[in-house]
C-alpha cells in the first residue's frame, strides 16, 4: 500500500510542522517586539543624553560669553554645531526656547510642527525632567507603529534653568533595520522547516507509519474464511505491542465466530418465541374482553328477541288490521336491525388482528368503540362526552389493536365508576375522551371522575398481572397489553391522577401526514 497525501504520515507531519512553524513565528514576533522596544528605548536614551549635552554646551557658552542668549543662538555656526550634535544621535529637528519660553532657534519646520515642539518644550520647562512623546503612524515590520519620537526637557546648567529644548527623530530607520533582519529570520525559519520535514518524514516512516501500514494491509486482506497467520512485529515499543495485540485479537475473533453464529441463531429463535408469546397474550386479553362484552350484551339481545316474539305472536293470531300488521313488521325489522348491529360490532372486534398497519382515523376508532360499548350494562348510568378537536388524527396503525386498547381503558374506567365506595361526591358518572395535536403526534385523554388512583398504585398499573380488582373480575393484563400495543406503534401511554379527583390515561401516537393533511 502506498501512502496517500491524506494518510497518517502526511497528517502527523503537517501538524508537527504547523506547530513548529507557529512556535518559531511566535518566538520571532516576541523577539521582534522586544528588539523594537529595545531600539526605541535606545533612541530615547540617546535623545535624553543629547538634551543634557545641549544644556551643558549652552551653559558653558553663556558662561564664557558676555552676549545675550538670543545673540548667541542666532550664530549660524552655533546652529550647525547643534545640528551636527543631534545628527550623531539620529535626531533631525529641534526647537530651543529661552528662559521666558520664547523660541530662538529651530530647524526649518512647518509652522504646525514648530508650534507643537515649542509647546512640548515649554511643558517640559515647567516640569521637573525630560519627557518623551510620539507622533504620527508609520508601517513598522508587521503592524502600524509610531512614526516620530520627541524628547523634550529643560536646559539646566549648574542648577540654573537657562531655557528649554525639544528634539525629534524619525523611527523609520529602526523599522527598516528590523525589516532587513526579519527577512533573514524568515529565511532561517523556512530552512529549519524543510530540514525538520525531511527528518520527520524519515523518522515517522521508520518508527510509526510503515509498521501501521503493514498492520493495515494485513487487516484489509483478512476475510472471514481466511486462516490467520501470526503477525511478525518484534519491536518493543507501542507499535510492537499493538501488533501482538492485533494478532491475539484476530485469533480470538476466529474462535468466537462460530459461537457468535450460534448465539445469533438462538437469539432469533428466542425473539420469534417472544413475539409469539406477546401475540398470544394480546389474543388472550382480547378474548377475555370479548367474553365480558358478550356476557353483558346478552340481555341486550334478549330484550329485542322478546319484543320480536311478542309481535310475531300478535301477527300469528291474525285479528289485526293491515296497518297494524305493517306497523308490527316494521318494529320487528327495527329490533332485528338492532340485534344485527350489536352482533356485527362484537364480531368485528373479536376478529383476529391482521397484524398489518394502515392509515386509520383515531376519531373513527374512538367513535366505533364508544358505540359498541354503549349497550353494555356496565355503562348503565355512565355518560360519555367526546371532545375530539385534533385536526390531524390519521395514524399508521392496526385499528383492531387500537380499539382493544381503547376498550380496555373504557372498561377499567367503568369498573371504577361502578364501585363508588371511595367516591367523595354524588356527581354524575362520566367518561370524557379528548384529542388534541402535540407537535407531530396526537394526544388522546380518557378522563373519568372516579375516586382516583393513589400514588403507589399508579406506579404499577401497567405491570403485567397487577390488579386491584376482586378475584374473577380481571386478569391484570389489560393495561399491560395496552402498554405493549402502544409502544409497538411508536407511541407512549401514561397515567395521571389525584386521589379523590378522578384519573386520566394519556396516549400519544405519531401522526401520519397524508396528502390530504399536508396543508393543515
Protein backbone atom coordinates (compact mmCIF):
# COMPACT_ATOMS: atom_id res chain seq x y z
CA UNK A 1 0.00 0.00 0.00
CA UNK A 2 1.37 3.39 -0.98
CA UNK A 3 0.84 6.29 1.38
CA UNK A 4 -1.59 8.97 0.21
CA UNK A 5 -1.47 12.68 0.82
CA UNK A 6 -4.30 12.25 3.31
CA UNK A 7 -2.53 9.41 5.10
CA UNK A 8 -1.13 9.14 8.60
CA UNK A 9 2.38 10.25 7.63
CA UNK A 10 1.17 13.41 5.90
CA UNK A 11 -1.28 14.24 8.66
CA UNK A 12 1.23 13.88 11.51
CA UNK A 13 3.97 15.67 9.61
CA UNK A 14 1.67 18.56 8.65
CA UNK A 15 0.51 19.03 12.22
CA UNK A 16 4.04 18.84 13.65
CA UNK A 17 5.34 21.30 11.04
CA UNK A 18 2.43 23.61 11.74
CA UNK A 19 3.18 23.57 15.46
CA UNK A 20 6.92 24.10 14.92
CA UNK A 21 6.47 26.94 12.43
CA UNK A 22 3.78 28.52 14.59
CA UNK A 23 6.10 28.32 17.62
CA UNK A 24 9.01 29.80 15.63
CA UNK A 25 6.84 32.62 14.33
CA UNK A 26 5.51 33.32 17.80
CA UNK A 27 9.02 33.43 19.23
CA UNK A 28 10.03 35.60 16.28
CA UNK A 29 7.19 38.04 16.98
CA UNK A 30 8.11 38.18 20.67
CA UNK A 31 11.78 38.78 19.86
CA UNK A 32 10.85 41.34 17.20
CA UNK A 33 8.65 43.19 19.67
CA UNK A 34 11.39 43.14 22.32
CA UNK A 35 14.01 44.27 19.79
CA UNK A 36 11.81 47.10 18.58
CA UNK A 37 11.15 48.19 22.14
CA UNK A 38 14.86 47.99 22.95
CA UNK A 39 15.88 50.06 19.90
CA UNK A 40 13.24 52.70 20.62
CA UNK A 41 14.43 52.81 24.22
CA UNK A 42 17.98 53.28 22.97
CA UNK A 43 16.78 56.13 20.76
CA UNK A 44 15.01 57.61 23.80
CA UNK A 45 18.15 57.36 25.93
CA UNK A 46 20.16 58.99 23.14
CA UNK A 47 17.65 61.84 22.99
CA UNK A 48 17.89 62.40 26.74
CA UNK A 49 21.69 62.49 26.52
CA UNK A 50 21.50 64.97 23.66
CA UNK A 51 19.19 67.27 25.67
CA UNK A 52 21.65 67.14 28.56
CA UNK A 53 24.52 67.83 26.14
CA UNK A 54 22.66 70.89 24.83
CA UNK A 55 22.24 72.10 28.41
CA UNK A 56 25.94 71.66 29.11
CA UNK A 57 27.13 73.29 25.86
CA UNK A 58 24.74 76.25 26.11
CA UNK A 59 25.62 76.78 29.75
CA UNK A 60 29.30 76.88 29.01
CA UNK A 61 28.81 79.21 26.06
CA UNK A 62 26.67 81.59 28.12
CA UNK A 63 29.16 81.46 30.97
CA UNK A 64 32.11 82.24 28.67
CA UNK A 65 30.38 84.97 26.67
CA UNK A 66 29.06 88.34 27.64
CA UNK A 67 26.47 88.31 24.84
CA UNK A 68 22.77 87.66 25.40
CA UNK A 69 21.43 84.16 24.67
CA UNK A 70 19.42 85.29 21.65
CA UNK A 71 22.56 86.72 20.04
CA UNK A 72 24.45 83.51 20.73
CA UNK A 73 21.68 81.33 19.30
CA UNK A 74 21.49 83.36 16.11
CA UNK A 75 25.06 82.45 15.27
CA UNK A 76 24.91 80.23 12.18
CA UNK A 77 27.98 78.30 13.23
CA UNK A 78 26.39 77.51 16.54
CA UNK A 79 23.28 76.25 14.76
CA UNK A 80 25.39 73.99 12.56
CA UNK A 81 27.18 72.65 15.63
CA UNK A 82 23.85 71.79 17.26
CA UNK A 83 22.57 70.09 14.10
CA UNK A 84 25.79 68.07 13.87
CA UNK A 85 25.48 67.07 17.51
CA UNK A 86 21.89 65.96 17.07
CA UNK A 87 22.57 64.07 13.85
CA UNK A 88 25.16 61.93 15.63
CA UNK A 89 22.31 60.68 17.85
CA UNK A 90 19.95 60.21 14.94
CA UNK A 91 17.81 63.31 15.66
CA UNK A 92 17.00 65.77 12.86
CA UNK A 93 14.78 68.61 14.06
CA UNK A 94 14.88 70.76 17.20
CA UNK A 95 13.42 73.84 18.88
CA UNK A 96 15.26 75.81 21.61
CA UNK A 97 13.44 78.23 23.93
CA UNK A 98 14.89 80.90 26.20
CA UNK A 99 14.11 81.18 29.89
CA UNK A 100 10.91 83.05 29.08
CA UNK A 101 9.67 80.33 26.72
CA UNK A 102 10.30 82.23 23.52
CA UNK A 103 11.66 80.16 20.59
CA UNK A 104 15.05 81.49 19.48
CA UNK A 105 16.45 78.71 17.39
CA UNK A 106 14.95 75.80 15.39
CA UNK A 107 15.35 73.87 12.20
CA UNK A 108 13.23 74.69 9.20
CA UNK A 109 9.93 73.16 10.21
CA UNK A 110 6.32 73.69 9.14
CA UNK A 111 4.53 76.13 11.39
CA UNK A 112 2.32 73.44 12.92
CA UNK A 113 5.27 71.19 13.80
CA UNK A 114 7.23 74.16 15.17
CA UNK A 115 4.30 75.07 17.37
CA UNK A 116 3.92 71.50 18.68
CA UNK A 117 7.62 71.20 19.51
CA UNK A 118 7.57 74.59 21.23
CA UNK A 119 4.57 73.52 23.31
CA UNK A 120 6.30 70.30 24.41
CA UNK A 121 9.50 72.20 25.24
CA UNK A 122 7.51 74.75 27.25
CA UNK A 123 5.69 71.98 29.17
CA UNK A 124 8.99 70.26 29.98
CA UNK A 125 10.46 73.57 31.21
CA UNK A 126 7.61 73.80 33.70
CA UNK A 127 8.15 70.22 34.78
CA UNK A 128 10.96 68.54 36.62
CA UNK A 129 12.54 66.36 34.00
CA UNK A 130 12.88 65.15 30.44
CA UNK A 131 9.71 63.81 28.78
CA UNK A 132 9.25 61.53 25.78
CA UNK A 133 6.34 61.77 23.31
CA UNK A 134 5.39 60.19 19.98
CA UNK A 135 3.55 61.47 16.94
CA UNK A 136 2.19 60.08 13.68
CA UNK A 137 1.84 56.48 12.48
CA UNK A 138 4.07 54.51 10.16
CA UNK A 139 4.21 50.91 8.95
CA UNK A 140 6.62 49.03 11.15
CA UNK A 141 7.57 45.42 10.44
CA UNK A 142 4.19 43.67 10.61
CA UNK A 143 1.94 46.29 12.20
CA UNK A 144 1.44 50.06 12.47
CA UNK A 145 3.77 51.83 14.88
CA UNK A 146 4.70 55.34 15.95
CA UNK A 147 6.37 57.42 13.26
CA UNK A 148 8.45 60.00 15.24
CA UNK A 149 9.86 60.31 18.77
CA UNK A 150 10.06 63.67 20.53
CA UNK A 151 12.34 64.20 23.51
CA UNK A 152 11.84 67.47 25.38
CA UNK A 153 13.30 68.85 28.56
CA UNK A 154 14.53 71.92 30.40
CA UNK A 155 18.05 73.25 29.74
CA UNK A 156 19.71 73.36 33.13
CA UNK A 157 23.32 74.37 33.84
CA UNK A 158 24.77 74.16 37.32
CA UNK A 159 21.33 74.11 38.87
CA UNK A 160 20.13 77.16 36.95
CA UNK A 161 17.44 76.85 34.27
CA UNK A 162 18.55 78.62 31.12
CA UNK A 163 15.84 77.54 28.67
CA UNK A 164 14.14 74.53 27.13
CA UNK A 165 14.52 72.29 24.10
CA UNK A 166 12.59 69.69 22.11
CA UNK A 167 14.27 67.37 19.62
CA UNK A 168 12.65 64.92 17.25
CA UNK A 169 13.75 61.90 15.27
CA UNK A 170 12.07 59.54 12.79
CA UNK A 171 11.79 55.87 13.77
CA UNK A 172 11.83 54.68 10.15
CA UNK A 173 15.49 53.73 10.39
CA UNK A 174 14.69 51.36 13.25
CA UNK A 175 11.82 49.74 11.35
CA UNK A 176 13.93 49.45 8.23
CA UNK A 177 16.73 47.65 10.07
CA UNK A 178 14.20 45.33 11.71
CA UNK A 179 12.63 44.52 8.34
CA UNK A 180 16.02 43.66 6.89
CA UNK A 181 16.77 41.42 9.87
CA UNK A 182 13.31 39.85 9.61
CA UNK A 183 14.00 38.68 6.07
CA UNK A 184 16.96 36.70 7.33
CA UNK A 185 14.93 35.26 10.22
CA UNK A 186 12.12 34.15 7.86
CA UNK A 187 14.69 32.50 5.62
CA UNK A 188 16.09 30.50 8.54
CA UNK A 189 12.57 29.54 9.68
CA UNK A 190 11.81 28.14 6.21
CA UNK A 191 15.16 26.34 6.11
CA UNK A 192 14.56 24.81 9.56
CA UNK A 193 11.06 23.73 8.50
CA UNK A 194 12.43 21.97 5.40
CA UNK A 195 15.11 20.18 7.44
CA UNK A 196 12.58 19.16 10.10
CA UNK A 197 10.18 17.95 7.40
CA UNK A 198 12.81 15.69 5.83
CA UNK A 199 13.97 14.32 9.18
CA UNK A 200 10.38 13.95 10.36
CA UNK A 201 9.33 12.01 7.24
CA UNK A 202 12.20 9.59 7.74
CA UNK A 203 11.57 9.06 11.45
CA UNK A 204 7.77 8.81 11.09
CA UNK A 205 8.07 6.34 8.23
CA UNK A 206 10.53 4.15 10.07
CA UNK A 207 9.03 4.18 13.55
CA UNK A 208 5.29 4.64 13.02
CA UNK A 209 3.85 4.74 9.54
CA UNK A 210 5.45 1.69 7.92
CA UNK A 211 4.57 -0.69 10.81
CA UNK A 212 0.99 0.64 10.79
CA UNK A 213 0.75 0.18 7.01
CA UNK A 214 1.82 -3.44 7.44
CA UNK A 215 -0.89 -3.98 10.04
CA UNK A 216 -3.46 -2.20 7.88
CA UNK A 217 -2.52 -4.28 4.84
CA UNK A 218 -2.95 -7.47 6.85
CA UNK A 219 -6.40 -6.45 8.19
CA UNK A 220 -7.63 -5.38 4.73
CA UNK A 221 -6.71 -8.73 3.25
CA UNK A 222 -8.37 -10.63 6.09
CA UNK A 223 -11.66 -12.36 5.30
CA UNK A 224 -13.97 -14.48 7.45
CA UNK A 225 -12.83 -17.67 5.78
CA UNK A 226 -9.12 -16.85 5.99
CA UNK A 227 -6.76 -18.80 8.21
CA UNK A 228 -4.80 -16.31 10.28
CA UNK A 229 -1.04 -16.24 10.20
CA UNK A 230 0.85 -14.80 13.18
CA UNK A 231 1.90 -11.16 12.98
CA UNK A 232 5.66 -10.66 12.88
CA UNK A 233 6.46 -7.47 14.77
CA UNK A 234 9.09 -7.79 17.46
CA UNK A 235 9.78 -4.14 18.30
CA UNK A 236 9.43 -3.32 21.97
CA UNK A 237 7.57 -0.03 21.52
CA UNK A 238 3.85 0.63 21.38
CA UNK A 239 3.66 -0.37 17.70
CA UNK A 240 5.08 -3.79 18.55
CA UNK A 241 2.60 -4.14 21.40
CA UNK A 242 -0.19 -3.17 19.01
CA UNK A 243 0.94 -5.80 16.52
CA UNK A 244 0.94 -8.54 19.12
CA UNK A 245 -2.43 -7.39 20.49
CA UNK A 246 -3.90 -7.36 16.98
CA UNK A 247 -2.64 -10.87 16.31
CA UNK A 248 -4.15 -12.10 19.56
CA UNK A 249 -7.42 -10.29 18.86
CA UNK A 250 -7.80 -11.78 15.39
CA UNK A 251 -7.16 -15.25 16.74
CA UNK A 252 -9.83 -14.76 19.39
CA UNK A 253 -12.09 -13.41 16.67
CA UNK A 254 -11.75 -16.65 14.74
CA UNK A 255 -12.52 -18.62 17.88
CA UNK A 256 -15.62 -16.54 18.60
CA UNK A 257 -17.11 -16.54 15.10
CA UNK A 258 -18.78 -19.90 15.44
CA UNK A 259 -20.01 -19.10 18.92
CA UNK A 260 -21.40 -15.79 17.64
CA UNK A 261 -23.29 -17.53 14.85
CA UNK A 262 -24.79 -19.96 17.35
CA UNK A 263 -25.79 -17.09 19.64
CA UNK A 264 -27.42 -15.22 16.76
CA UNK A 265 -29.45 -18.29 15.86
CA UNK A 266 -30.51 -18.69 19.48
CA UNK A 267 -31.48 -15.02 19.74
CA UNK A 268 -33.51 -15.20 16.53
CA UNK A 269 -35.39 -18.21 17.86
CA UNK A 270 -35.91 -16.56 21.25
CA UNK A 271 -37.14 -13.37 19.55
CA UNK A 272 -39.61 -15.39 17.49
CA UNK A 273 -40.85 -17.20 20.61
CA UNK A 274 -41.19 -13.88 22.44
CA UNK A 275 -43.17 -12.36 19.56
CA UNK A 276 -45.47 -15.38 19.53
CA UNK A 277 -45.90 -15.13 23.31
CA UNK A 278 -46.76 -11.43 23.05
CA UNK A 279 -49.30 -12.12 20.31
CA UNK A 280 -50.81 -14.89 22.43
CA UNK A 281 -51.11 -12.56 25.44
CA UNK A 282 -52.82 -9.91 23.30
CA UNK A 283 -55.23 -12.51 21.87
CA UNK A 284 -55.97 -13.91 25.33
CA UNK A 285 -56.77 -10.49 26.74
CA UNK A 286 -58.89 -9.74 23.69
CA UNK A 287 -60.89 -12.93 24.16
CA UNK A 288 -61.36 -12.03 27.83
CA UNK A 289 -62.72 -8.63 26.79
CA UNK A 290 -64.98 -10.26 24.22
CA UNK A 291 -66.28 -12.59 26.93
CA UNK A 292 -67.09 -9.70 29.23
CA UNK A 293 -68.80 -7.86 26.38
CA UNK A 294 -70.78 -10.89 25.30
CA UNK A 295 -71.94 -11.65 28.84
CA UNK A 296 -73.13 -8.10 29.34
CA UNK A 297 -74.74 -7.67 25.92
CA UNK A 298 -76.63 -11.00 26.08
CA UNK A 299 -79.61 -9.41 27.79
CA UNK A 300 -79.48 -6.53 25.29
CA UNK A 301 -80.07 -9.10 22.58
CA UNK A 302 -82.67 -10.94 24.70
CA UNK A 303 -84.89 -7.86 25.09
CA UNK A 304 -85.30 -7.27 21.30
CA UNK A 305 -85.88 -11.02 20.80
CA UNK A 306 -88.69 -10.94 23.39
CA UNK A 307 -90.25 -7.97 21.64
CA UNK A 308 -89.97 -9.72 18.24
CA UNK A 309 -91.63 -12.87 19.59
CA UNK A 310 -94.45 -10.79 21.06
CA UNK A 311 -95.13 -9.04 17.80
CA UNK A 312 -94.95 -12.33 15.86
CA UNK A 313 -97.46 -13.89 18.26
CA UNK A 314 -99.83 -10.99 17.71
CA UNK A 315 -99.42 -11.28 13.94
CA UNK A 316 -99.96 -15.08 14.08
CA UNK A 317 -103.37 -14.62 15.77
CA UNK A 318 -104.49 -12.80 12.63
CA UNK A 319 -107.01 -10.41 14.23
CA UNK A 320 -105.08 -7.32 13.16
CA UNK A 321 -105.70 -4.72 10.53
CA UNK A 322 -103.31 -4.31 7.64
CA UNK A 323 -101.96 -1.09 9.13
CA UNK A 324 -101.31 -2.79 12.46
CA UNK A 325 -99.56 -5.73 10.75
CA UNK A 326 -97.37 -3.33 8.78
CA UNK A 327 -96.53 -1.38 11.96
CA UNK A 328 -95.64 -4.60 13.82
CA UNK A 329 -93.49 -5.83 10.95
CA UNK A 330 -91.64 -2.50 10.86
CA UNK A 331 -90.99 -2.77 14.59
CA UNK A 332 -89.79 -6.37 14.20
CA UNK A 333 -87.44 -5.22 11.45
CA UNK A 334 -86.11 -2.40 13.68
CA UNK A 335 -85.38 -4.79 16.55
CA UNK A 336 -83.70 -7.29 14.22
CA UNK A 337 -81.55 -4.47 12.83
CA UNK A 338 -80.63 -3.52 16.40
CA UNK A 339 -79.57 -7.10 17.14
CA UNK A 340 -77.62 -7.27 13.87
CA UNK A 341 -75.66 -4.08 14.72
CA UNK A 342 -74.74 -5.38 18.19
CA UNK A 343 -73.63 -8.76 16.85
CA UNK A 344 -71.69 -7.20 13.93
CA UNK A 345 -69.81 -4.86 16.28
CA UNK A 346 -68.94 -7.78 18.56
CA UNK A 347 -67.79 -9.91 15.62
CA UNK A 348 -65.72 -7.11 14.19
CA UNK A 349 -63.93 -6.65 17.50
CA UNK A 350 -63.39 -10.38 18.08
CA UNK A 351 -61.93 -10.89 14.60
CA UNK A 352 -58.18 -11.73 14.79
CA UNK A 353 -55.88 -8.80 14.07
CA UNK A 354 -54.36 -8.78 10.60
CA UNK A 355 -51.10 -7.50 12.05
CA UNK A 356 -50.84 -5.02 9.19
CA UNK A 357 -50.61 -1.31 9.95
CA UNK A 358 -52.68 1.01 7.79
CA UNK A 359 -53.74 4.64 7.81
CA UNK A 360 -56.64 4.90 10.28
CA UNK A 361 -58.60 7.73 11.83
CA UNK A 362 -58.32 7.85 15.63
CA UNK A 363 -61.66 9.66 15.83
CA UNK A 364 -63.39 6.88 13.87
CA UNK A 365 -61.89 4.19 16.11
CA UNK A 366 -62.95 6.07 19.26
CA UNK A 367 -66.48 6.58 17.91
CA UNK A 368 -66.85 2.90 16.91
CA UNK A 369 -65.58 1.75 20.31
CA UNK A 370 -67.96 4.02 22.23
CA UNK A 371 -70.94 2.92 20.08
CA UNK A 372 -70.05 -0.72 20.70
CA UNK A 373 -69.83 -0.15 24.47
CA UNK A 374 -72.99 1.89 24.96
CA UNK A 375 -75.41 -1.10 25.07
CA UNK A 376 -73.29 -2.82 27.72
CA UNK A 377 -74.87 -2.92 31.22
CA UNK A 378 -71.53 -1.94 32.70
CA UNK A 379 -72.07 1.54 31.30
CA UNK A 380 -75.60 2.00 32.64
CA UNK A 381 -75.69 5.38 34.37
CA UNK A 382 -72.37 6.47 32.84
CA UNK A 383 -72.38 9.25 30.28
CA UNK A 384 -69.79 9.68 27.54
CA UNK A 385 -68.50 13.05 26.43
CA UNK A 386 -66.36 13.33 23.31
CA UNK A 387 -64.14 16.36 22.71
CA UNK A 388 -62.36 15.30 19.52
CA UNK A 389 -60.68 18.56 18.47
CA UNK A 390 -57.45 17.18 16.94
CA UNK A 391 -57.20 18.46 13.37
CA UNK A 392 -54.79 15.67 12.38
CA UNK A 393 -55.98 12.27 13.62
CA UNK A 394 -54.63 9.87 10.98
CA UNK A 395 -52.14 7.33 12.35
CA UNK A 396 -50.37 4.41 10.76
CA UNK A 397 -51.53 1.58 12.98
CA UNK A 398 -53.58 -1.60 13.39
CA UNK A 399 -57.10 -0.32 14.05
CA UNK A 400 -58.16 -3.57 15.72
CA UNK A 401 -55.34 -3.36 18.26
CA UNK A 402 -56.01 0.33 18.99
CA UNK A 403 -59.69 -0.48 19.51
CA UNK A 404 -58.65 -3.13 22.02
CA UNK A 405 -56.57 -0.51 23.89
CA UNK A 406 -59.45 1.98 24.00
CA UNK A 407 -61.88 -0.75 25.08
CA UNK A 408 -59.59 -1.84 27.94
CA UNK A 409 -59.30 1.74 29.20
CA UNK A 410 -63.05 2.40 28.99
CA UNK A 411 -63.93 -0.85 30.76
CA UNK A 412 -61.41 -0.15 33.54
CA UNK A 413 -62.88 3.34 33.99
CA UNK A 414 -66.43 1.90 34.06
CA UNK A 415 -65.42 -0.67 36.68
CA UNK A 416 -64.00 2.10 38.88
CA UNK A 417 -67.08 4.30 38.46
CA UNK A 418 -69.41 1.41 39.37
CA UNK A 419 -67.51 0.90 42.62
CA UNK A 420 -68.42 4.12 44.48
CA UNK A 421 -67.21 3.10 47.92
CA UNK A 422 -64.28 5.55 47.68
CA UNK A 423 -66.20 8.39 45.96
CA UNK A 424 -66.26 11.67 47.86
CA UNK A 425 -69.28 13.12 46.00
CA UNK A 426 -72.50 12.05 44.25
CA UNK A 427 -71.65 13.62 40.89
CA UNK A 428 -72.95 12.00 37.72
CA UNK A 429 -70.56 9.32 36.48
CA UNK A 430 -68.97 10.30 33.21
CA UNK A 431 -66.05 9.48 30.97
CA UNK A 432 -64.52 12.27 28.90
CA UNK A 433 -62.47 11.39 25.82
CA UNK A 434 -60.38 14.25 24.40
CA UNK A 435 -57.97 14.52 21.50
CA UNK A 436 -55.52 17.24 20.55
CA UNK A 437 -52.39 17.61 18.44
CA UNK A 438 -48.99 17.96 20.11
CA UNK A 439 -46.23 18.71 17.60
CA UNK A 440 -46.27 15.73 15.21
CA UNK A 441 -48.42 13.50 17.39
CA UNK A 442 -51.99 13.14 18.57
CA UNK A 443 -52.72 13.09 22.29
CA UNK A 444 -55.73 11.04 23.45
CA UNK A 445 -57.01 11.52 27.03
CA UNK A 446 -59.51 9.21 28.78
CA UNK A 447 -60.69 11.10 31.88
CA UNK A 448 -63.11 9.76 34.49
CA UNK A 449 -64.50 11.43 37.61
CA UNK A 450 -63.98 8.40 39.80
CA UNK A 451 -62.16 8.19 43.14
CA UNK A 452 -58.73 8.45 41.50
CA UNK A 453 -55.60 6.31 41.94
CA UNK A 454 -53.19 6.58 44.85
CA UNK A 455 -49.51 7.34 44.20
CA UNK A 456 -48.27 3.83 44.99
CA UNK A 457 -50.81 2.07 42.75
CA UNK A 458 -50.31 4.38 39.75
CA UNK A 459 -46.65 3.33 39.54
CA UNK A 460 -47.66 -0.30 38.85
CA UNK A 461 -50.87 -0.14 36.81
CA UNK A 462 -49.02 -1.07 33.59
CA UNK A 463 -47.24 -4.04 35.20
CA UNK A 464 -48.39 -7.48 33.99
CA UNK A 465 -50.89 -9.24 36.27
CA UNK A 466 -51.12 -6.23 38.60
CA UNK A 467 -54.77 -5.59 39.51
CA UNK A 468 -56.77 -4.09 42.35
CA UNK A 469 -59.99 -5.85 41.31
CA UNK A 470 -61.53 -8.73 43.19
CA UNK A 471 -60.63 -12.27 42.04
CA UNK A 472 -62.50 -13.23 38.88
CA UNK A 473 -63.11 -9.62 37.79
CA UNK A 474 -59.85 -9.01 35.99
CA UNK A 475 -56.59 -10.63 34.87
CA UNK A 476 -54.32 -7.64 35.41
CA UNK A 477 -53.23 -7.81 31.78
CA UNK A 478 -55.49 -5.18 30.18
CA UNK A 479 -53.29 -2.11 30.72
CA UNK A 480 -50.11 -4.15 30.33
CA UNK A 481 -51.25 -5.33 26.90
CA UNK A 482 -52.32 -1.78 26.07
CA UNK A 483 -48.86 -0.53 27.01
CA UNK A 484 -47.30 -3.18 24.77
CA UNK A 485 -49.55 -2.28 21.81
CA UNK A 486 -48.99 1.48 22.08
CA UNK A 487 -45.21 1.08 22.32
CA UNK A 488 -45.20 -1.22 19.28
CA UNK A 489 -46.84 1.63 17.35
CA UNK A 490 -44.13 4.10 18.37
CA UNK A 491 -46.28 5.86 20.96
CA UNK A 492 -46.41 6.36 24.73
CA UNK A 493 -49.05 5.75 27.39
CA UNK A 494 -49.09 7.07 30.94
CA UNK A 495 -51.49 7.68 33.82
CA UNK A 496 -52.19 10.80 35.88
CA UNK A 497 -54.40 11.03 38.93
CA UNK A 498 -55.12 12.99 42.09
CA UNK A 499 -56.71 10.93 44.83
CA UNK A 500 -60.42 11.75 45.02
CA UNK A 501 -60.43 13.76 41.76
CA UNK A 502 -60.55 11.12 39.06
CA UNK A 503 -57.88 9.65 36.81
CA UNK A 504 -56.59 10.18 33.29
CA UNK A 505 -54.96 7.79 30.85
CA UNK A 506 -52.94 9.73 28.24
CA UNK A 507 -51.85 8.19 24.95
CA UNK A 508 -49.54 9.83 22.42
CA UNK A 509 -49.23 8.42 18.89
CA UNK A 510 -47.25 9.78 15.94
CA UNK A 511 -49.47 11.36 13.30
CA UNK A 512 -49.29 10.01 9.74
CA UNK A 513 -49.06 13.03 7.44
CA UNK A 514 -51.13 12.20 4.38
CA UNK A 515 -51.70 14.17 1.19
CA UNK A 516 -55.00 15.45 2.50
CA UNK A 517 -53.39 16.69 5.72
CA UNK A 518 -50.26 18.19 4.29
CA UNK A 519 -51.67 21.75 4.34
CA UNK A 520 -53.15 21.60 7.79
